[in-house]
Amino acid sequence: MAKVTIELVGTARILAGQKEISVTVEEDAIWRDIVAALAQAVPGLIGQVITEDRRALISSYQLNLGGTHFIMDLDKKARLKQGDRISLLEETC
């Protein structure tokens, strides 16, 4: 298991009322599991940032690992290690 930090920006930060959330994930987690953990930690994101089924992001949001890797496939194994930082980014016009 690994404890990771998810940085929230834009609308997600406003809805959550905080700039980051720590979640613990299993070693074999896929990115959808990360989204589900975030939904559990911050239910206020469901419907506006996270889909109602808690398994995906609304289309204008994307995850980024360590500021260098955009997550394109939520079904891929996350391969996270203790202390990793993930950003939840919002597309802007």
N, C-alpha and C. Protein backbone atom coordinates (compact mmCIF):
# COMPACT_ATOMS: atom_id res chain seq x y z
N MET A 1 0.84 -1.18 0.00
CA MET A 1 0.00 0.00 0.00
C MET A 1 0.89 1.24 0.00
N ALA A 2 0.37 2.29 -0.61
CA ALA A 2 1.12 3.54 -0.68
C ALA A 2 0.20 4.71 -0.37
N LYS A 3 0.72 5.64 0.40
CA LYS A 3 -0.02 6.88 0.66
C LYS A 3 0.47 7.91 -0.34
N VAL A 4 -0.47 8.47 -1.13
CA VAL A 4 -0.13 9.46 -2.14
C VAL A 4 -0.94 10.73 -1.90
N THR A 5 -0.48 11.82 -2.46
CA THR A 5 -1.17 13.10 -2.32
C THR A 5 -1.73 13.52 -3.66
N ILE A 6 -2.98 13.93 -3.65
CA ILE A 6 -3.63 14.44 -4.86
C ILE A 6 -3.83 15.94 -4.68
N GLU A 7 -3.19 16.70 -5.56
CA GLU A 7 -3.31 18.16 -5.54
C GLU A 7 -4.53 18.56 -6.35
N LEU A 8 -5.37 19.40 -5.78
CA LEU A 8 -6.59 19.86 -6.44
C LEU A 8 -6.39 21.30 -6.91
N VAL A 9 -6.87 21.59 -8.10
CA VAL A 9 -6.80 22.96 -8.62
C VAL A 9 -8.18 23.35 -9.15
N GLY A 10 -8.38 24.63 -9.34
CA GLY A 10 -9.61 25.14 -9.94
C GLY A 10 -10.87 24.77 -9.19
N THR A 11 -11.87 24.34 -9.93
CA THR A 11 -13.17 24.00 -9.37
C THR A 11 -13.06 22.89 -8.33
N ALA A 12 -12.21 21.91 -8.59
CA ALA A 12 -12.05 20.80 -7.63
C ALA A 12 -11.58 21.32 -6.28
N ARG A 13 -10.66 22.25 -6.29
CA ARG A 13 -10.15 22.83 -5.04
C ARG A 13 -11.26 23.59 -4.31
N ILE A 14 -12.04 24.33 -5.06
CA ILE A 14 -13.15 25.10 -4.46
C ILE A 14 -14.18 24.16 -3.86
N LEU A 15 -14.57 23.12 -4.60
CA LEU A 15 -15.57 22.17 -4.11
C LEU A 15 -15.09 21.41 -2.88
N ALA A 16 -13.81 21.06 -2.87
CA ALA A 16 -13.25 20.30 -1.76
C ALA A 16 -12.96 21.17 -0.54
N GLY A 17 -12.72 22.46 -0.79
CA GLY A 17 -12.38 23.36 0.30
C GLY A 17 -10.97 23.14 0.82
N GLN A 18 -10.14 22.49 0.03
CA GLN A 18 -8.74 22.28 0.39
C GLN A 18 -7.91 22.05 -0.87
N LYS A 19 -6.61 22.25 -0.74
CA LYS A 19 -5.77 22.18 -1.93
C LYS A 19 -5.19 20.80 -2.21
N GLU A 20 -5.19 19.92 -1.23
CA GLU A 20 -4.70 18.57 -1.48
C GLU A 20 -5.34 17.56 -0.55
N ILE A 21 -5.36 16.32 -1.00
CA ILE A 21 -5.97 15.20 -0.28
C ILE A 21 -4.97 14.06 -0.28
N SER A 22 -4.81 13.39 0.83
CA SER A 22 -3.97 12.19 0.88
C SER A 22 -4.88 10.97 0.87
N VAL A 23 -4.53 9.99 0.05
CA VAL A 23 -5.27 8.73 -0.02
C VAL A 23 -4.28 7.58 0.02
N THR A 24 -4.73 6.45 0.50
CA THR A 24 -3.92 5.24 0.51
C THR A 24 -4.46 4.30 -0.55
N VAL A 25 -3.55 3.77 -1.37
CA VAL A 25 -3.96 2.90 -2.48
C VAL A 25 -3.21 1.57 -2.41
N GLU A 26 -3.86 0.54 -2.91
CA GLU A 26 -3.26 -0.79 -2.97
C GLU A 26 -2.13 -0.83 -4.00
N GLU A 27 -1.22 -1.75 -3.83
CA GLU A 27 -0.08 -1.90 -4.73
C GLU A 27 -0.51 -2.17 -6.17
N ASP A 28 -1.59 -2.92 -6.36
CA ASP A 28 -2.03 -3.28 -7.71
C ASP A 28 -3.14 -2.37 -8.25
N ALA A 29 -3.30 -1.19 -7.69
CA ALA A 29 -4.37 -0.26 -8.08
C ALA A 29 -4.22 0.20 -9.52
N ILE A 30 -5.37 0.36 -10.17
CA ILE A 30 -5.39 1.02 -11.47
C ILE A 30 -5.83 2.46 -11.23
N TRP A 31 -5.74 3.30 -12.26
CA TRP A 31 -6.06 4.72 -12.08
C TRP A 31 -7.52 4.94 -11.71
N ARG A 32 -8.42 4.06 -12.15
CA ARG A 32 -9.83 4.19 -11.74
C ARG A 32 -9.98 4.03 -10.23
N ASP A 33 -9.12 3.21 -9.62
CA ASP A 33 -9.15 3.04 -8.17
C ASP A 33 -8.73 4.34 -7.47
N ILE A 34 -7.83 5.08 -8.08
CA ILE A 34 -7.40 6.36 -7.52
C ILE A 34 -8.57 7.35 -7.56
N VAL A 35 -9.28 7.37 -8.68
CA VAL A 35 -10.45 8.24 -8.81
C VAL A 35 -11.49 7.86 -7.76
N ALA A 36 -11.72 6.56 -7.58
CA ALA A 36 -12.70 6.10 -6.59
C ALA A 36 -12.28 6.49 -5.18
N ALA A 37 -10.98 6.40 -4.88
CA ALA A 37 -10.49 6.80 -3.55
C ALA A 37 -10.68 8.29 -3.33
N LEU A 38 -10.46 9.07 -4.38
CA LEU A 38 -10.68 10.52 -4.28
C LEU A 38 -12.16 10.82 -4.06
N ALA A 39 -13.04 10.10 -4.76
CA ALA A 39 -14.48 10.29 -4.58
C ALA A 39 -14.91 9.96 -3.16
N GLN A 40 -14.31 8.93 -2.59
CA GLN A 40 -14.64 8.55 -1.23
C GLN A 40 -14.15 9.61 -0.24
N ALA A 41 -12.96 10.16 -0.51
CA ALA A 41 -12.39 11.16 0.39
C ALA A 41 -13.11 12.50 0.30
N VAL A 42 -13.58 12.84 -0.92
CA VAL A 42 -14.23 14.14 -1.14
C VAL A 42 -15.51 13.92 -1.96
N PRO A 43 -16.59 13.47 -1.32
CA PRO A 43 -17.84 13.20 -2.04
C PRO A 43 -18.39 14.41 -2.81
N GLY A 44 -18.04 15.61 -2.40
CA GLY A 44 -18.51 16.81 -3.08
C GLY A 44 -18.02 16.94 -4.51
N LEU A 45 -17.04 16.14 -4.90
CA LEU A 45 -16.53 16.18 -6.28
C LEU A 45 -17.39 15.34 -7.24
N ILE A 46 -18.20 14.45 -6.67
CA ILE A 46 -19.01 13.56 -7.50
C ILE A 46 -20.08 14.37 -8.23
N GLY A 47 -20.16 14.16 -9.53
CA GLY A 47 -21.15 14.85 -10.36
C GLY A 47 -20.61 16.08 -11.05
N GLN A 48 -19.59 16.72 -10.48
CA GLN A 48 -19.01 17.91 -11.11
C GLN A 48 -17.58 17.69 -11.58
N VAL A 49 -16.85 16.81 -10.91
CA VAL A 49 -15.47 16.52 -11.27
C VAL A 49 -15.32 15.03 -11.57
N ILE A 50 -15.96 14.22 -10.75
CA ILE A 50 -15.93 12.76 -10.87
C ILE A 50 -17.31 12.28 -11.29
N THR A 51 -17.36 11.30 -12.19
CA THR A 51 -18.65 10.78 -12.65
C THR A 51 -19.43 10.14 -11.51
N GLU A 52 -20.73 10.04 -11.68
CA GLU A 52 -21.62 9.51 -10.65
C GLU A 52 -21.24 8.09 -10.22
N ASP A 53 -20.68 7.29 -11.14
CA ASP A 53 -20.30 5.93 -10.78
C ASP A 53 -18.95 5.86 -10.04
N ARG A 54 -18.32 7.01 -9.89
CA ARG A 54 -17.07 7.15 -9.13
C ARG A 54 -15.88 6.43 -9.76
N ARG A 55 -15.92 6.17 -11.05
CA ARG A 55 -14.87 5.41 -11.72
C ARG A 55 -14.15 6.20 -12.82
N ALA A 56 -14.55 7.44 -13.04
CA ALA A 56 -13.93 8.24 -14.10
C ALA A 56 -14.05 9.72 -13.76
N LEU A 57 -13.33 10.50 -14.53
CA LEU A 57 -13.39 11.96 -14.36
C LEU A 57 -14.30 12.55 -15.42
N ILE A 58 -14.97 13.65 -15.10
CA ILE A 58 -15.72 14.40 -16.09
C ILE A 58 -14.71 14.83 -17.17
N SER A 59 -15.15 14.93 -18.40
CA SER A 59 -14.23 15.10 -19.55
C SER A 59 -13.27 16.28 -19.47
N SER A 60 -13.57 17.30 -18.72
CA SER A 60 -12.67 18.46 -18.67
C SER A 60 -11.57 18.32 -17.61
N TYR A 61 -11.44 17.15 -16.99
CA TYR A 61 -10.43 16.92 -15.95
C TYR A 61 -9.47 15.82 -16.37
N GLN A 62 -8.24 15.92 -15.85
CA GLN A 62 -7.23 14.93 -16.17
C GLN A 62 -6.25 14.80 -15.00
N LEU A 63 -5.72 13.60 -14.82
CA LEU A 63 -4.71 13.36 -13.79
C LEU A 63 -3.31 13.50 -14.38
N ASN A 64 -2.39 13.98 -13.55
CA ASN A 64 -1.00 14.12 -13.95
C ASN A 64 -0.15 13.60 -12.79
N LEU A 65 0.79 12.73 -13.09
CA LEU A 65 1.66 12.15 -12.08
C LEU A 65 2.99 12.88 -12.05
N GLY A 66 3.30 13.47 -10.93
CA GLY A 66 4.60 14.09 -10.72
C GLY A 66 4.90 15.28 -11.61
N GLY A 67 3.89 15.86 -12.22
CA GLY A 67 4.10 17.02 -13.08
C GLY A 67 4.66 16.69 -14.45
N THR A 68 4.83 15.40 -14.75
CA THR A 68 5.45 15.03 -16.02
C THR A 68 4.66 14.03 -16.85
N HIS A 69 3.76 13.28 -16.24
CA HIS A 69 3.05 12.22 -16.96
C HIS A 69 1.54 12.40 -16.87
N PHE A 70 0.92 12.72 -18.00
CA PHE A 70 -0.54 12.78 -18.04
C PHE A 70 -1.08 11.36 -18.13
N ILE A 71 -2.13 11.08 -17.39
CA ILE A 71 -2.73 9.76 -17.36
C ILE A 71 -3.84 9.72 -18.41
N MET A 72 -3.60 8.95 -19.47
CA MET A 72 -4.55 8.89 -20.58
C MET A 72 -5.50 7.69 -20.45
N ASP A 73 -5.06 6.63 -19.80
CA ASP A 73 -5.84 5.40 -19.71
C ASP A 73 -6.07 5.05 -18.24
N LEU A 74 -7.29 5.24 -17.78
CA LEU A 74 -7.60 4.98 -16.37
C LEU A 74 -7.61 3.49 -16.02
N ASP A 75 -7.53 2.63 -17.02
CA ASP A 75 -7.51 1.19 -16.77
C ASP A 75 -6.10 0.63 -16.63
N LYS A 76 -5.09 1.49 -16.77
CA LYS A 76 -3.71 1.05 -16.60
C LYS A 76 -3.35 0.97 -15.12
N LYS A 77 -2.42 0.08 -14.81
CA LYS A 77 -1.93 -0.04 -13.44
C LYS A 77 -1.23 1.26 -13.06
N ALA A 78 -1.52 1.76 -11.88
CA ALA A 78 -1.00 3.07 -11.47
C ALA A 78 0.49 3.01 -11.08
N ARG A 79 0.94 1.92 -10.48
CA ARG A 79 2.35 1.77 -10.06
C ARG A 79 2.83 2.95 -9.22
N LEU A 80 2.08 3.26 -8.22
CA LEU A 80 2.41 4.39 -7.35
C LEU A 80 3.28 3.93 -6.20
N LYS A 81 4.13 4.84 -5.74
CA LYS A 81 4.94 4.56 -4.57
C LYS A 81 4.65 5.60 -3.49
N GLN A 82 4.98 5.24 -2.30
CA GLN A 82 4.77 6.11 -1.15
C GLN A 82 5.29 7.52 -1.45
N GLY A 83 4.44 8.52 -1.21
CA GLY A 83 4.85 9.91 -1.37
C GLY A 83 4.63 10.49 -2.76
N ASP A 84 4.18 9.69 -3.73
CA ASP A 84 3.92 10.24 -5.06
C ASP A 84 2.89 11.35 -4.98
N ARG A 85 3.02 12.30 -5.90
CA ARG A 85 2.08 13.43 -5.99
C ARG A 85 1.37 13.36 -7.32
N ILE A 86 0.06 13.49 -7.24
CA ILE A 86 -0.80 13.47 -8.43
C ILE A 86 -1.55 14.78 -8.46
N SER A 87 -1.62 15.40 -9.64
CA SER A 87 -2.40 16.63 -9.79
C SER A 87 -3.69 16.31 -10.53
N LEU A 88 -4.78 16.86 -10.06
CA LEU A 88 -6.06 16.79 -10.76
C LEU A 88 -6.23 18.13 -11.44
N LEU A 89 -6.04 18.12 -12.75
CA LEU A 89 -6.04 19.35 -13.53
C LEU A 89 -7.36 19.56 -14.26
N GLU A 90 -7.72 20.82 -14.42
CA GLU A 90 -8.95 21.19 -15.11
C GLU A 90 -8.60 21.90 -16.39
N GLU A 91 -9.21 21.45 -17.49
CA GLU A 91 -9.02 22.10 -18.78
C GLU A 91 -9.65 23.47 -18.74
N THR A 92 -8.96 24.46 -19.28
CA THR A 92 -9.53 25.81 -19.33
C THR A 92 -9.59 26.27 -20.78
N CYS A 93 -10.45 27.21 -21.04
CA CYS A 93 -10.63 27.72 -22.40
C CYS A 93 -9.53 28.69 -22.75
